[in-house]
Amino acid sequence: MRKFLGVLLVIAVILSCSAAFAEYKGKITFNVSLKDAEKSSKAELWLPYPLSDSNQTITDVDIKSNGAQIGVESDPKAGGVYLHAT
């Protein structure tokens, strides 16, 4: 019985470790409409821009715009990276 419980414990540890290192995939889409932008002399949009690191790999970034100037900018104070559209 004791050996059986030991084997169950080993199996539980292996399963929990494999779940912790599972690979997750997904797609994130932002659709932004600035309806009142035409009424303003200036409109800006700032969105968080993900970067690859030891915890995630970012690939296939596709940015589409209806004519806005777009750039990726960093904020040295906050340490964040943002997509900036004007």
N, C-alpha and C. Protein backbone atom coordinates (compact mmCIF):
# COMPACT_ATOMS: atom_id res chain seq x y z
N MET A 1 0.82 -1.19 0.00
CA MET A 1 0.00 0.00 0.00
C MET A 1 0.87 1.26 0.00
N ARG A 2 1.93 1.22 0.80
CA ARG A 2 2.82 2.37 0.87
C ARG A 2 3.51 2.61 -0.47
N LYS A 3 3.92 1.53 -1.13
CA LYS A 3 4.56 1.64 -2.45
C LYS A 3 3.58 2.22 -3.47
N PHE A 4 2.32 1.77 -3.39
CA PHE A 4 1.28 2.25 -4.29
C PHE A 4 1.07 3.76 -4.12
N LEU A 5 1.03 4.23 -2.87
CA LEU A 5 0.87 5.67 -2.61
C LEU A 5 2.08 6.46 -3.12
N GLY A 6 3.26 5.88 -3.00
CA GLY A 6 4.47 6.53 -3.52
C GLY A 6 4.41 6.69 -5.03
N VAL A 7 3.94 5.65 -5.71
CA VAL A 7 3.81 5.70 -7.17
C VAL A 7 2.77 6.74 -7.57
N LEU A 8 1.65 6.80 -6.84
CA LEU A 8 0.63 7.81 -7.13
C LEU A 8 1.18 9.22 -6.93
N LEU A 9 1.98 9.40 -5.90
CA LEU A 9 2.57 10.71 -5.65
C LEU A 9 3.50 11.11 -6.79
N VAL A 10 4.32 10.18 -7.26
CA VAL A 10 5.23 10.46 -8.38
C VAL A 10 4.44 10.82 -9.63
N ILE A 11 3.38 10.08 -9.91
CA ILE A 11 2.55 10.37 -11.10
C ILE A 11 1.91 11.75 -10.97
N ALA A 12 1.41 12.08 -9.78
CA ALA A 12 0.78 13.40 -9.58
C ALA A 12 1.79 14.53 -9.79
N VAL A 13 3.02 14.36 -9.32
CA VAL A 13 4.05 15.39 -9.51
C VAL A 13 4.39 15.54 -10.98
N ILE A 14 4.53 14.44 -11.69
CA ILE A 14 4.86 14.49 -13.12
C ILE A 14 3.74 15.19 -13.90
N LEU A 15 2.50 14.84 -13.60
CA LEU A 15 1.38 15.47 -14.31
C LEU A 15 1.28 16.95 -14.00
N SER A 16 1.51 17.34 -12.76
CA SER A 16 1.42 18.77 -12.44
C SER A 16 2.56 19.55 -13.08
N CYS A 17 3.74 18.96 -13.18
CA CYS A 17 4.86 19.64 -13.84
C CYS A 17 4.61 19.78 -15.33
N SER A 18 4.08 18.76 -15.96
CA SER A 18 3.83 18.86 -17.40
C SER A 18 2.74 19.89 -17.69
N ALA A 19 1.77 20.03 -16.81
CA ALA A 19 0.73 21.04 -17.01
C ALA A 19 1.30 22.45 -16.83
N ALA A 20 2.26 22.59 -15.95
CA ALA A 20 2.87 23.91 -15.71
C ALA A 20 3.67 24.38 -16.91
N PHE A 21 4.20 23.47 -17.70
CA PHE A 21 5.03 23.83 -18.85
C PHE A 21 4.30 23.59 -20.17
N ALA A 22 2.99 23.53 -20.14
CA ALA A 22 2.21 23.32 -21.35
C ALA A 22 2.34 24.54 -22.26
N GLU A 23 2.23 24.32 -23.54
CA GLU A 23 2.31 25.41 -24.50
C GLU A 23 0.91 25.88 -24.84
N TYR A 24 0.72 27.18 -24.75
CA TYR A 24 -0.57 27.77 -25.08
C TYR A 24 -0.39 28.67 -26.29
N LYS A 25 -1.34 28.61 -27.19
CA LYS A 25 -1.31 29.46 -28.37
C LYS A 25 -2.60 30.26 -28.41
N GLY A 26 -2.52 31.42 -29.00
CA GLY A 26 -3.72 32.23 -29.10
C GLY A 26 -3.53 33.37 -30.08
N LYS A 27 -4.59 34.06 -30.32
CA LYS A 27 -4.57 35.21 -31.22
C LYS A 27 -5.32 36.34 -30.53
N ILE A 28 -4.70 37.49 -30.52
CA ILE A 28 -5.32 38.67 -29.92
C ILE A 28 -5.55 39.69 -31.02
N THR A 29 -6.75 40.20 -31.10
CA THR A 29 -7.11 41.19 -32.12
C THR A 29 -7.67 42.43 -31.44
N PHE A 30 -7.13 43.59 -31.82
CA PHE A 30 -7.66 44.87 -31.38
C PHE A 30 -8.32 45.52 -32.58
N ASN A 31 -9.58 45.85 -32.47
CA ASN A 31 -10.27 46.64 -33.48
C ASN A 31 -10.64 47.96 -32.81
N VAL A 32 -10.08 49.05 -33.31
CA VAL A 32 -10.29 50.34 -32.68
C VAL A 32 -10.94 51.28 -33.69
N SER A 33 -11.97 51.95 -33.25
CA SER A 33 -12.65 52.94 -34.07
C SER A 33 -12.73 54.24 -33.29
N LEU A 34 -12.14 55.27 -33.83
CA LEU A 34 -12.20 56.59 -33.19
C LEU A 34 -13.26 57.40 -33.92
N LYS A 35 -14.50 57.20 -33.54
CA LYS A 35 -15.63 57.81 -34.24
C LYS A 35 -15.59 59.33 -34.24
N ASP A 36 -15.16 59.93 -33.16
CA ASP A 36 -15.15 61.39 -33.07
C ASP A 36 -13.82 62.00 -33.49
N ALA A 37 -12.93 61.21 -34.04
CA ALA A 37 -11.61 61.72 -34.42
C ALA A 37 -11.71 62.78 -35.52
N GLU A 38 -12.70 62.67 -36.39
CA GLU A 38 -12.83 63.64 -37.47
C GLU A 38 -13.14 65.04 -36.92
N LYS A 39 -13.76 65.12 -35.76
CA LYS A 39 -14.15 66.39 -35.15
C LYS A 39 -12.98 67.05 -34.42
N SER A 40 -11.94 66.30 -34.19
CA SER A 40 -10.80 66.80 -33.42
C SER A 40 -9.65 67.15 -34.36
N SER A 41 -8.81 68.09 -33.92
CA SER A 41 -7.66 68.44 -34.73
C SER A 41 -6.54 67.41 -34.60
N LYS A 42 -6.58 66.62 -33.52
CA LYS A 42 -5.53 65.63 -33.30
C LYS A 42 -6.09 64.46 -32.50
N ALA A 43 -5.78 63.26 -32.94
CA ALA A 43 -6.16 62.06 -32.19
C ALA A 43 -4.95 61.15 -32.11
N GLU A 44 -4.72 60.57 -30.95
CA GLU A 44 -3.62 59.64 -30.75
C GLU A 44 -4.14 58.38 -30.10
N LEU A 45 -3.50 57.29 -30.43
CA LEU A 45 -3.86 56.00 -29.86
C LEU A 45 -2.60 55.33 -29.35
N TRP A 46 -2.65 54.85 -28.11
CA TRP A 46 -1.53 54.13 -27.50
C TRP A 46 -2.05 52.76 -27.07
N LEU A 47 -1.44 51.70 -27.58
CA LEU A 47 -1.79 50.34 -27.18
C LEU A 47 -0.55 49.62 -26.67
N PRO A 48 -0.68 48.80 -25.64
CA PRO A 48 0.46 48.01 -25.20
C PRO A 48 0.95 47.11 -26.33
N TYR A 49 2.25 47.03 -26.51
CA TYR A 49 2.83 46.24 -27.59
C TYR A 49 3.63 45.08 -26.96
N PRO A 50 3.21 43.85 -27.18
CA PRO A 50 3.88 42.72 -26.54
C PRO A 50 5.23 42.42 -27.17
N LEU A 51 6.16 42.01 -26.35
CA LEU A 51 7.48 41.60 -26.81
C LEU A 51 7.75 40.17 -26.35
N SER A 52 8.57 39.47 -27.10
CA SER A 52 8.98 38.14 -26.69
C SER A 52 9.91 38.24 -25.49
N ASP A 53 9.79 37.27 -24.60
CA ASP A 53 10.70 37.18 -23.47
C ASP A 53 10.81 35.71 -23.08
N SER A 54 11.33 35.45 -21.90
CA SER A 54 11.52 34.06 -21.48
C SER A 54 10.20 33.33 -21.23
N ASN A 55 9.11 34.06 -21.08
CA ASN A 55 7.81 33.45 -20.81
C ASN A 55 6.89 33.35 -22.02
N GLN A 56 7.19 34.11 -23.08
CA GLN A 56 6.31 34.10 -24.24
C GLN A 56 7.09 34.43 -25.49
N THR A 57 6.61 33.89 -26.60
CA THR A 57 7.19 34.18 -27.91
C THR A 57 6.10 34.82 -28.75
N ILE A 58 6.36 36.04 -29.20
CA ILE A 58 5.40 36.78 -30.02
C ILE A 58 5.83 36.66 -31.47
N THR A 59 4.92 36.20 -32.33
CA THR A 59 5.23 36.05 -33.75
C THR A 59 4.06 36.56 -34.59
N ASP A 60 4.34 36.77 -35.84
CA ASP A 60 3.32 37.11 -36.84
C ASP A 60 2.47 38.32 -36.45
N VAL A 61 3.13 39.39 -36.01
CA VAL A 61 2.40 40.61 -35.70
C VAL A 61 2.00 41.27 -37.01
N ASP A 62 0.72 41.57 -37.15
CA ASP A 62 0.17 42.15 -38.37
C ASP A 62 -0.62 43.39 -37.98
N ILE A 63 -0.17 44.55 -38.43
CA ILE A 63 -0.82 45.81 -38.08
C ILE A 63 -1.39 46.43 -39.35
N LYS A 64 -2.67 46.73 -39.30
CA LYS A 64 -3.33 47.36 -40.44
C LYS A 64 -3.91 48.69 -39.98
N SER A 65 -3.83 49.68 -40.85
CA SER A 65 -4.32 51.01 -40.50
C SER A 65 -5.00 51.63 -41.71
N ASN A 66 -5.86 52.58 -41.44
CA ASN A 66 -6.54 53.28 -42.53
C ASN A 66 -5.81 54.57 -42.91
N GLY A 67 -4.53 54.62 -42.66
CA GLY A 67 -3.76 55.78 -43.06
C GLY A 67 -3.04 56.48 -41.92
N ALA A 68 -3.29 56.07 -40.71
CA ALA A 68 -2.61 56.69 -39.58
C ALA A 68 -1.12 56.35 -39.61
N GLN A 69 -0.31 57.26 -39.11
CA GLN A 69 1.11 56.97 -38.95
C GLN A 69 1.28 56.14 -37.69
N ILE A 70 1.97 55.02 -37.83
CA ILE A 70 2.10 54.08 -36.73
C ILE A 70 3.56 53.84 -36.42
N GLY A 71 3.87 53.76 -35.14
CA GLY A 71 5.23 53.45 -34.71
C GLY A 71 5.20 52.70 -33.39
N VAL A 72 6.28 51.99 -33.11
CA VAL A 72 6.43 51.31 -31.83
C VAL A 72 7.40 52.14 -31.01
N GLU A 73 6.94 52.57 -29.83
CA GLU A 73 7.74 53.46 -28.99
C GLU A 73 7.85 52.88 -27.59
N SER A 74 8.96 53.19 -26.94
CA SER A 74 9.14 52.72 -25.57
C SER A 74 9.08 53.89 -24.59
N ASP A 75 8.67 53.59 -23.39
CA ASP A 75 8.62 54.57 -22.32
C ASP A 75 9.69 54.20 -21.30
N PRO A 76 10.80 54.93 -21.30
CA PRO A 76 11.90 54.57 -20.39
C PRO A 76 11.51 54.60 -18.92
N LYS A 77 10.61 55.51 -18.52
CA LYS A 77 10.22 55.58 -17.11
C LYS A 77 9.42 54.35 -16.70
N ALA A 78 8.41 54.02 -17.48
CA ALA A 78 7.54 52.89 -17.14
C ALA A 78 8.12 51.56 -17.60
N GLY A 79 9.02 51.61 -18.58
CA GLY A 79 9.60 50.37 -19.09
C GLY A 79 8.71 49.64 -20.08
N GLY A 80 7.62 50.26 -20.49
CA GLY A 80 6.70 49.62 -21.41
C GLY A 80 7.00 49.96 -22.85
N VAL A 81 6.45 49.14 -23.74
CA VAL A 81 6.56 49.36 -25.17
C VAL A 81 5.14 49.48 -25.71
N TYR A 82 4.91 50.48 -26.57
CA TYR A 82 3.56 50.78 -27.01
C TYR A 82 3.51 51.00 -28.52
N LEU A 83 2.37 50.65 -29.09
CA LEU A 83 2.06 50.97 -30.47
C LEU A 83 1.42 52.35 -30.44
N HIS A 84 1.98 53.29 -31.17
CA HIS A 84 1.50 54.67 -31.15
C HIS A 84 1.01 55.03 -32.54
N ALA A 85 -0.25 55.41 -32.62
CA ALA A 85 -0.84 55.83 -33.89
C ALA A 85 -1.32 57.26 -33.79
N THR A 86 -1.01 58.06 -34.83
CA THR A 86 -1.45 59.45 -34.88
C THR A 86 -2.17 59.73 -36.17
